[in-house]
PDB file of N, CA and C in Angstrom:
ATOM      1  N   MET A   1     102.359  79.882 173.067  1.00  0.00           N
ATOM      2  CA  MET A   1     103.144  80.333 174.189  1.00  0.00           C
ATOM      3  C   MET A   1     103.160  81.867 174.178  1.00  0.00           C
ATOM      4  N   GLN A   2     103.227  82.439 175.343  1.00  0.00           N
ATOM      5  CA  GLN A   2     103.324  83.889 175.479  1.00  0.00           C
ATOM      6  C   GLN A   2     104.549  84.200 176.328  1.00  0.00           C
ATOM      7  N   LEU A   3     105.425  85.057 175.793  1.00  0.00           N
ATOM      8  CA  LEU A   3     106.632  85.481 176.494  1.00  0.00           C
ATOM      9  C   LEU A   3     106.555  86.977 176.731  1.00  0.00           C
ATOM     10  N   THR A   4     106.900  87.411 177.947  1.00  0.00           N
ATOM     11  CA  THR A   4     106.774  88.820 178.299  1.00  0.00           C
ATOM     12  C   THR A   4     108.093  89.359 178.849  1.00  0.00           C
ATOM     13  N   THR A   5     108.457  90.562 178.372  1.00  0.00           N
ATOM     14  CA  THR A   5     109.578  91.314 178.924  1.00  0.00           C
ATOM     15  C   THR A   5     109.059  92.692 179.283  1.00  0.00           C
ATOM     16  N   ASN A   6     109.933  93.557 179.771  1.00  0.00           N
ATOM     17  CA  ASN A   6     109.502  94.921 180.077  1.00  0.00           C
ATOM     18  C   ASN A   6     109.298  95.744 178.811  1.00  0.00           C
ATOM     19  N   VAL A   7     109.741  95.257 177.663  1.00  0.00           N
ATOM     20  CA  VAL A   7     109.619  95.985 176.398  1.00  0.00           C
ATOM     21  C   VAL A   7     108.435  95.509 175.567  1.00  0.00           C
ATOM     22  N   CYS A   8     108.226  94.181 175.484  1.00  0.00           N
ATOM     23  CA  CYS A   8     107.170  93.664 174.613  1.00  0.00           C
ATOM     24  C   CYS A   8     106.628  92.337 175.123  1.00  0.00           C
ATOM     25  N   THR A   9     105.489  91.954 174.549  1.00  0.00           N
ATOM     26  CA  THR A   9     104.886  90.652 174.789  1.00  0.00           C
ATOM     27  C   THR A   9     104.816  89.941 173.449  1.00  0.00           C
ATOM     28  N   VAL A  10     105.331  88.721 173.390  1.00  0.00           N
ATOM     29  CA  VAL A  10     105.345  87.955 172.142  1.00  0.00           C
ATOM     30  C   VAL A  10     104.460  86.733 172.320  1.00  0.00           C
ATOM     31  N   ASP A  11     103.464  86.603 171.438  1.00  0.00           N
ATOM     32  CA  ASP A  11     102.543  85.479 171.469  1.00  0.00           C
ATOM     33  C   ASP A  11     102.798  84.585 170.260  1.00  0.00           C
ATOM     34  N   PHE A  12     102.785  83.275 170.474  1.00  0.00           N
ATOM     35  CA  PHE A  12     102.907  82.299 169.397  1.00  0.00           C
ATOM     36  C   PHE A  12     101.635  81.455 169.402  1.00  0.00           C
ATOM     37  N   PHE A  13     100.855  81.548 168.325  1.00  0.00           N
ATOM     38  CA  PHE A  13      99.617  80.786 168.187  1.00  0.00           C
ATOM     39  C   PHE A  13      99.846  79.679 167.162  1.00  0.00           C
ATOM     40  N   PRO A  14      99.423  78.438 167.444  1.00  0.00           N
ATOM     41  CA  PRO A  14      99.585  77.387 166.443  1.00  0.00           C
ATOM     42  C   PRO A  14      98.755  77.724 165.202  1.00  0.00           C
ATOM     43  N   GLU A  15      99.374  77.588 164.028  1.00  0.00           N
ATOM     44  CA  GLU A  15      98.651  77.902 162.796  1.00  0.00           C
ATOM     45  C   GLU A  15      97.715  76.769 162.416  1.00  0.00           C
ATOM     46  N   ALA A  16      98.197  75.550 162.549  1.00  0.00           N
ATOM     47  CA  ALA A  16      97.387  74.372 162.223  1.00  0.00           C
ATOM     48  C   ALA A  16      98.007  73.168 162.899  1.00  0.00           C
ATOM     49  N   PHE A  17      97.189  72.179 163.164  1.00  0.00           N
ATOM     50  CA  PHE A  17      97.681  70.941 163.749  1.00  0.00           C
ATOM     51  C   PHE A  17      97.478  69.828 162.738  1.00  0.00           C
ATOM     52  N   ILE A  18      98.565  69.161 162.365  1.00  0.00           N
ATOM     53  CA  ILE A  18      98.507  68.058 161.418  1.00  0.00           C
ATOM     54  C   ILE A  18      98.564  66.776 162.238  1.00  0.00           C
ATOM     55  N   ALA A  19      97.584  65.909 162.082  1.00  0.00           N
ATOM     56  CA  ALA A  19      97.400  64.746 162.963  1.00  0.00           C
ATOM     57  C   ALA A  19      98.674  63.940 163.198  1.00  0.00           C
ATOM     58  N   ASP A  20      99.373  63.568 162.157  1.00  0.00           N
ATOM     59  CA  ASP A  20     100.548  62.713 162.322  1.00  0.00           C
ATOM     60  C   ASP A  20     101.833  63.488 162.580  1.00  0.00           C
ATOM     61  N   GLU A  21     101.815  64.789 162.309  1.00  0.00           N
ATOM     62  CA  GLU A  21     103.048  65.559 162.358  1.00  0.00           C
ATOM     63  C   GLU A  21     103.074  66.633 163.436  1.00  0.00           C
ATOM     64  N   GLY A  22     101.938  66.995 163.993  1.00  0.00           N
ATOM     65  CA  GLY A  22     101.899  68.046 165.006  1.00  0.00           C
ATOM     66  C   GLY A  22     101.880  69.428 164.382  1.00  0.00           C
ATOM     67  N   VAL A  23     102.253  70.431 165.166  1.00  0.00           N
ATOM     68  CA  VAL A  23     102.253  71.823 164.700  1.00  0.00           C
ATOM     69  C   VAL A  23     103.527  72.093 163.908  1.00  0.00           C
ATOM     70  N   LYS A  24     103.380  72.676 162.731  1.00  0.00           N
ATOM     71  CA  LYS A  24     104.532  72.982 161.879  1.00  0.00           C
ATOM     72  C   LYS A  24     104.856  74.471 161.828  1.00  0.00           C
ATOM     73  N   ARG A  25     103.814  75.321 161.978  1.00  0.00           N
ATOM     74  CA  ARG A  25     104.020  76.771 161.903  1.00  0.00           C
ATOM     75  C   ARG A  25     103.193  77.471 162.970  1.00  0.00           C
ATOM     76  N   PHE A  26     103.657  78.680 163.301  1.00  0.00           N
ATOM     77  CA  PHE A  26     102.982  79.502 164.295  1.00  0.00           C
ATOM     78  C   PHE A  26     102.744  80.904 163.747  1.00  0.00           C
ATOM     79  N   GLN A  27     101.646  81.520 164.180  1.00  0.00           N
ATOM     80  CA  GLN A  27     101.419  82.940 163.944  1.00  0.00           C
ATOM     81  C   GLN A  27     102.046  83.649 165.137  1.00  0.00           C
ATOM     82  N   LYS A  28     102.955  84.565 164.858  1.00  0.00           N
ATOM     83  CA  LYS A  28     103.660  85.288 165.920  1.00  0.00           C
ATOM     84  C   LYS A  28     103.127  86.714 165.985  1.00  0.00           C
ATOM     85  N   ARG A  29     102.777  87.149 167.186  1.00  0.00           N
ATOM     86  CA  ARG A  29     102.303  88.520 167.400  1.00  0.00           C
ATOM     87  C   ARG A  29     103.193  89.170 168.446  1.00  0.00           C
ATOM     88  N   VAL A  30     103.798  90.299 168.082  1.00  0.00           N
ATOM     89  CA  VAL A  30     104.612  91.074 169.012  1.00  0.00           C
ATOM     90  C   VAL A  30     103.816  92.321 169.374  1.00  0.00           C
ATOM     91  N   THR A  31     103.580  92.532 170.656  1.00  0.00           N
ATOM     92  CA  THR A  31     102.866  93.714 171.135  1.00  0.00           C
ATOM     93  C   THR A  31     103.841  94.547 171.948  1.00  0.00           C
ATOM     94  N   TRP A  32     104.063  95.786 171.518  1.00  0.00           N
ATOM     95  CA  TRP A  32     104.980  96.682 172.228  1.00  0.00           C
ATOM     96  C   TRP A  32     104.252  97.277 173.419  1.00  0.00           C
ATOM     97  N   ASN A  33     104.813  97.099 174.604  1.00  0.00           N
ATOM     98  CA  ASN A  33     104.158  97.528 175.841  1.00  0.00           C
ATOM     99  C   ASN A  33     103.991  99.043 175.929  1.00  0.00           C
ATOM    100  N   ALA A  34     104.903  99.813 175.384  1.00  0.00           N
ATOM    101  CA  ALA A  34     104.860 101.270 175.525  1.00  0.00           C
ATOM    102  C   ALA A  34     103.667 101.896 174.804  1.00  0.00           C
ATOM    103  N   ASN A  35     103.344 101.402 173.600  1.00  0.00           N
ATOM    104  CA  ASN A  35     102.296 102.065 172.821  1.00  0.00           C
ATOM    105  C   ASN A  35     101.219 101.122 172.297  1.00  0.00           C
ATOM    106  N   GLY A  36     101.339  99.823 172.539  1.00  0.00           N
ATOM    107  CA  GLY A  36     100.317  98.868 172.115  1.00  0.00           C
ATOM    108  C   GLY A  36     100.368  98.474 170.650  1.00  0.00           C
ATOM    109  N   LEU A  37     101.350  98.971 169.897  1.00  0.00           N
ATOM    110  CA  LEU A  37     101.456  98.599 168.490  1.00  0.00           C
ATOM    111  C   LEU A  37     101.745  97.107 168.371  1.00  0.00           C
ATOM    112  N   LYS A  38     101.225  96.500 167.290  1.00  0.00           N
ATOM    113  CA  LYS A  38     101.385  95.065 167.094  1.00  0.00           C
ATOM    114  C   LYS A  38     102.023  94.775 165.744  1.00  0.00           C
ATOM    115  N   SER A  39     102.807  93.710 165.731  1.00  0.00           N
ATOM    116  CA  SER A  39     103.448  93.228 164.516  1.00  0.00           C
ATOM    117  C   SER A  39     103.129  91.741 164.391  1.00  0.00           C
ATOM    118  N   TYR A  40     102.847  91.283 163.164  1.00  0.00           N
ATOM    119  CA  TYR A  40     102.465  89.895 162.939  1.00  0.00           C
ATOM    120  C   TYR A  40     103.399  89.239 161.931  1.00  0.00           C
ATOM    121  N   SER A  41     103.648  87.934 162.129  1.00  0.00           N
ATOM    122  CA  SER A  41     104.424  87.164 161.158  1.00  0.00           C
ATOM    123  C   SER A  41     104.115  85.682 161.348  1.00  0.00           C
ATOM    124  N   THR A  42     104.516  84.886 160.375  1.00  0.00           N
ATOM    125  CA  THR A  42     104.391  83.437 160.453  1.00  0.00           C
ATOM    126  C   THR A  42     105.788  82.860 160.566  1.00  0.00           C
ATOM    127  N   VAL A  43     105.988  81.953 161.528  1.00  0.00           N
ATOM    128  CA  VAL A  43     107.305  81.355 161.743  1.00  0.00           C
ATOM    129  C   VAL A  43     107.175  79.834 161.772  1.00  0.00           C
ATOM    130  N   THR A  44     108.259  79.158 161.416  1.00  0.00           N
ATOM    131  CA  THR A  44     108.288  77.694 161.458  1.00  0.00           C
ATOM    132  C   THR A  44     108.524  77.224 162.891  1.00  0.00           C
ATOM    133  N   MET A  45     108.333  75.943 163.109  1.00  0.00           N
ATOM    134  CA  MET A  45     108.554  75.364 164.431  1.00  0.00           C
ATOM    135  C   MET A  45     109.998  75.565 164.882  1.00  0.00           C
ATOM    136  N   SER A  46     110.966  75.334 163.991  1.00  0.00           N
ATOM    137  CA  SER A  46     112.374  75.480 164.395  1.00  0.00           C
ATOM    138  C   SER A  46     112.706  76.931 164.734  1.00  0.00           C
ATOM    139  N   THR A  47     112.167  77.879 163.983  1.00  0.00           N
ATOM    140  CA  THR A  47     112.388  79.295 164.276  1.00  0.00           C
ATOM    141  C   THR A  47     111.752  79.653 165.621  1.00  0.00           C
ATOM    142  N   ALA A  48     110.554  79.153 165.871  1.00  0.00           N
ATOM    143  CA  ALA A  48     109.871  79.426 167.142  1.00  0.00           C
ATOM    144  C   ALA A  48     110.678  78.869 168.312  1.00  0.00           C
ATOM    145  N   ARG A  49     111.143  77.646 168.183  1.00  0.00           N
ATOM    146  CA  ARG A  49     111.939  77.052 169.275  1.00  0.00           C
ATOM    147  C   ARG A  49     113.200  77.856 169.553  1.00  0.00           C
ATOM    148  N   ASN A  50     113.878  78.277 168.492  1.00  0.00           N
ATOM    149  CA  ASN A  50     115.087  79.093 168.676  1.00  0.00           C
ATOM    150  C   ASN A  50     114.757  80.418 169.354  1.00  0.00           C
ATOM    151  N   GLU A  51     113.651  81.028 168.952  1.00  0.00           N
ATOM    152  CA  GLU A  51     113.270  82.308 169.547  1.00  0.00           C
ATOM    153  C   GLU A  51     112.849  82.130 171.011  1.00  0.00           C
ATOM    154  N   TRP A  52     112.115  81.054 171.310  1.00  0.00           N
ATOM    155  CA  TRP A  52     111.740  80.795 172.703  1.00  0.00           C
ATOM    156  C   TRP A  52     112.986  80.682 173.568  1.00  0.00           C
ATOM    157  N   GLU A  53     113.931  79.869 173.107  1.00  0.00           N
ATOM    158  CA  GLU A  53     115.162  79.654 173.867  1.00  0.00           C
ATOM    159  C   GLU A  53     115.927  80.961 174.064  1.00  0.00           C
ATOM    160  N   SER A  54     116.050  81.742 173.002  1.00  0.00           N
ATOM    161  CA  SER A  54     116.784  83.002 173.059  1.00  0.00           C
ATOM    162  C   SER A  54     116.118  84.001 174.003  1.00  0.00           C
ATOM    163  N   ARG A  55     114.811  84.180 173.854  1.00  0.00           N
ATOM    164  CA  ARG A  55     114.102  85.151 174.690  1.00  0.00           C
ATOM    165  C   ARG A  55     114.110  84.754 176.168  1.00  0.00           C
ATOM    166  N   ILE A  56     113.903  83.465 176.451  1.00  0.00           N
ATOM    167  CA  ILE A  56     113.904  83.007 177.842  1.00  0.00           C
ATOM    168  C   ILE A  56     115.288  83.158 178.458  1.00  0.00           C
ATOM    169  N   SER A  57     116.329  82.838 177.692  1.00  0.00           N
ATOM    170  CA  SER A  57     117.686  82.979 178.234  1.00  0.00           C
ATOM    171  C   SER A  57     118.064  84.447 178.447  1.00  0.00           C
ATOM    172  N   ASN A  58     117.368  85.365 177.766  1.00  0.00           N
ATOM    173  CA  ASN A  58     117.621  86.790 177.949  1.00  0.00           C
ATOM    174  C   ASN A  58     116.657  87.437 178.947  1.00  0.00           C
ATOM    175  N   GLY A  59     115.920  86.610 179.710  1.00  0.00           N
ATOM    176  CA  GLY A  59     115.111  87.146 180.800  1.00  0.00           C
ATOM    177  C   GLY A  59     113.617  87.216 180.588  1.00  0.00           C
ATOM    178  N   ALA A  60     113.114  86.768 179.450  1.00  0.00           N
ATOM    179  CA  ALA A  60     111.662  86.796 179.228  1.00  0.00           C
ATOM    180  C   ALA A  60     110.995  85.756 180.128  1.00  0.00           C
ATOM    181  N   GLU A  61     109.770  86.058 180.527  1.00  0.00           N
ATOM    182  CA  GLU A  61     108.981  85.153 181.348  1.00  0.00           C
ATOM    183  C   GLU A  61     107.910  84.504 180.502  1.00  0.00           C
ATOM    184  N   VAL A  62     107.652  83.225 180.736  1.00  0.00           N
ATOM    185  CA  VAL A  62     106.522  82.554 180.088  1.00  0.00           C
ATOM    186  C   VAL A  62     105.286  82.938 180.886  1.00  0.00           C
ATOM    187  N   THR A  63     104.366  83.665 180.251  1.00  0.00           N
ATOM    188  CA  THR A  63     103.191  84.176 180.957  1.00  0.00           C
ATOM    189  C   THR A  63     101.890  83.571 180.466  1.00  0.00           C
ATOM    190  N   GLY A  64     101.973  82.639 179.515  1.00  0.00           N
ATOM    191  CA  GLY A  64     100.753  81.994 179.036  1.00  0.00           C
ATOM    192  C   GLY A  64     101.046  80.998 177.928  1.00  0.00           C
ATOM    193  N   TYR A  65     100.016  80.206 177.614  1.00  0.00           N
ATOM    194  CA  TYR A  65     100.113  79.228 176.533  1.00  0.00           C
ATOM    195  C   TYR A  65      98.891  79.351 175.641  1.00  0.00           C
ATOM    196  N   HIS A  66      99.099  79.231 174.347  1.00  0.00           N
ATOM    197  CA  HIS A  66      97.998  79.276 173.381  1.00  0.00           C
ATOM    198  C   HIS A  66      97.862  77.903 172.738  1.00  0.00           C
ATOM    199  N   VAL A  67      96.695  77.303 172.849  1.00  0.00           N
ATOM    200  CA  VAL A  67      96.450  76.013 172.218  1.00  0.00           C
ATOM    201  C   VAL A  67      95.475  76.137 171.051  1.00  0.00           C
ATOM    202  N   GLU A  68      94.879  77.309 170.901  1.00  0.00           N
ATOM    203  CA  GLU A  68      93.955  77.575 169.796  1.00  0.00           C
ATOM    204  C   GLU A  68      94.615  78.515 168.803  1.00  0.00           C
ATOM    205  N   GLN A  69      94.104  78.524 167.581  1.00  0.00           N
ATOM    206  CA  GLN A  69      94.609  79.441 166.564  1.00  0.00           C
ATOM    207  C   GLN A  69      94.279  80.882 166.940  1.00  0.00           C
ATOM    208  N   MET A  70      95.062  81.814 166.374  1.00  0.00           N
ATOM    209  CA  MET A  70      94.778  83.236 166.562  1.00  0.00           C
ATOM    210  C   MET A  70      93.436  83.540 165.887  1.00  0.00           C
ATOM    211  N   PRO A  71      92.589  84.330 166.531  1.00  0.00           N
ATOM    212  CA  PRO A  71      91.302  84.672 165.914  1.00  0.00           C
ATOM    213  C   PRO A  71      91.501  85.331 164.542  1.00  0.00           C
ATOM    214  N   ARG A  72      90.781  84.858 163.541  1.00  0.00           N
ATOM    215  CA  ARG A  72      90.910  85.409 162.186  1.00  0.00           C
ATOM    216  C   ARG A  72      90.427  86.856 162.113  1.00  0.00           C
ATOM    217  N   SER A  73      89.624  87.270 163.078  1.00  0.00           N
ATOM    218  CA  SER A  73      89.189  88.664 163.105  1.00  0.00           C
ATOM    219  C   SER A  73      90.347  89.593 163.444  1.00  0.00           C
ATOM    220  N   GLU A  74      91.393  89.049 164.071  1.00  0.00           N
ATOM    221  CA  GLU A  74      92.561  89.874 164.418  1.00  0.00           C
ATOM    222  C   GLU A  74      93.617  89.863 163.329  1.00  0.00           C
ATOM    223  N   TYR A  75      93.837  88.697 162.737  1.00  0.00           N
ATOM    224  CA  TYR A  75      94.906  88.588 161.741  1.00  0.00           C
ATOM    225  C   TYR A  75      94.533  87.557 160.694  1.00  0.00           C
ATOM    226  N   ALA A  76      94.449  88.004 159.453  1.00  0.00           N
ATOM    227  CA  ALA A  76      94.173  87.099 158.332  1.00  0.00           C
ATOM    228  C   ALA A  76      95.114  87.467 157.190  1.00  0.00           C
ATOM    229  N   PRO A  77      96.213  86.709 157.029  1.00  0.00           N
ATOM    230  CA  PRO A  77      97.172  87.030 155.962  1.00  0.00           C
ATOM    231  C   PRO A  77      96.543  86.855 154.588  1.00  0.00           C
ATOM    232  N   MET A  78      97.048  87.632 153.656  1.00  0.00           N
ATOM    233  CA  MET A  78      96.544  87.534 152.277  1.00  0.00           C
ATOM    234  C   MET A  78      97.109  86.299 151.602  1.00  0.00           C
ATOM    235  N   ALA A  79      96.335  85.708 150.755  1.00  0.00           N
ATOM    236  CA  ALA A  79      96.798  84.563 149.973  1.00  0.00           C
ATOM    237  C   ALA A  79      97.043  85.012 148.537  1.00  0.00           C
ATOM    238  N   CYS A  80      98.129  84.557 147.975  1.00  0.00           N
ATOM    239  CA  CYS A  80      98.448  84.919 146.590  1.00  0.00           C
ATOM    240  C   CYS A  80      98.064  83.812 145.649  1.00  0.00           C
TER     241      CYS A  80
END
């Protein structure tokens, strides 16, 4: 899902799809409209749902949907 305000655009990309359980986590990308800077994080399904509800109730518009994972060329978290 992609949510847009006059300040930033927030994209949620599914991290993985588990056949019997669905999507459990999302890669979240926040892009600041003023300067194009980006911030990345991983969020759980419950956190994503809460954030969607909060942002939409505060005036954000749904401007797109992501059904594919975020390209690894853009964001690849380190594994420990």
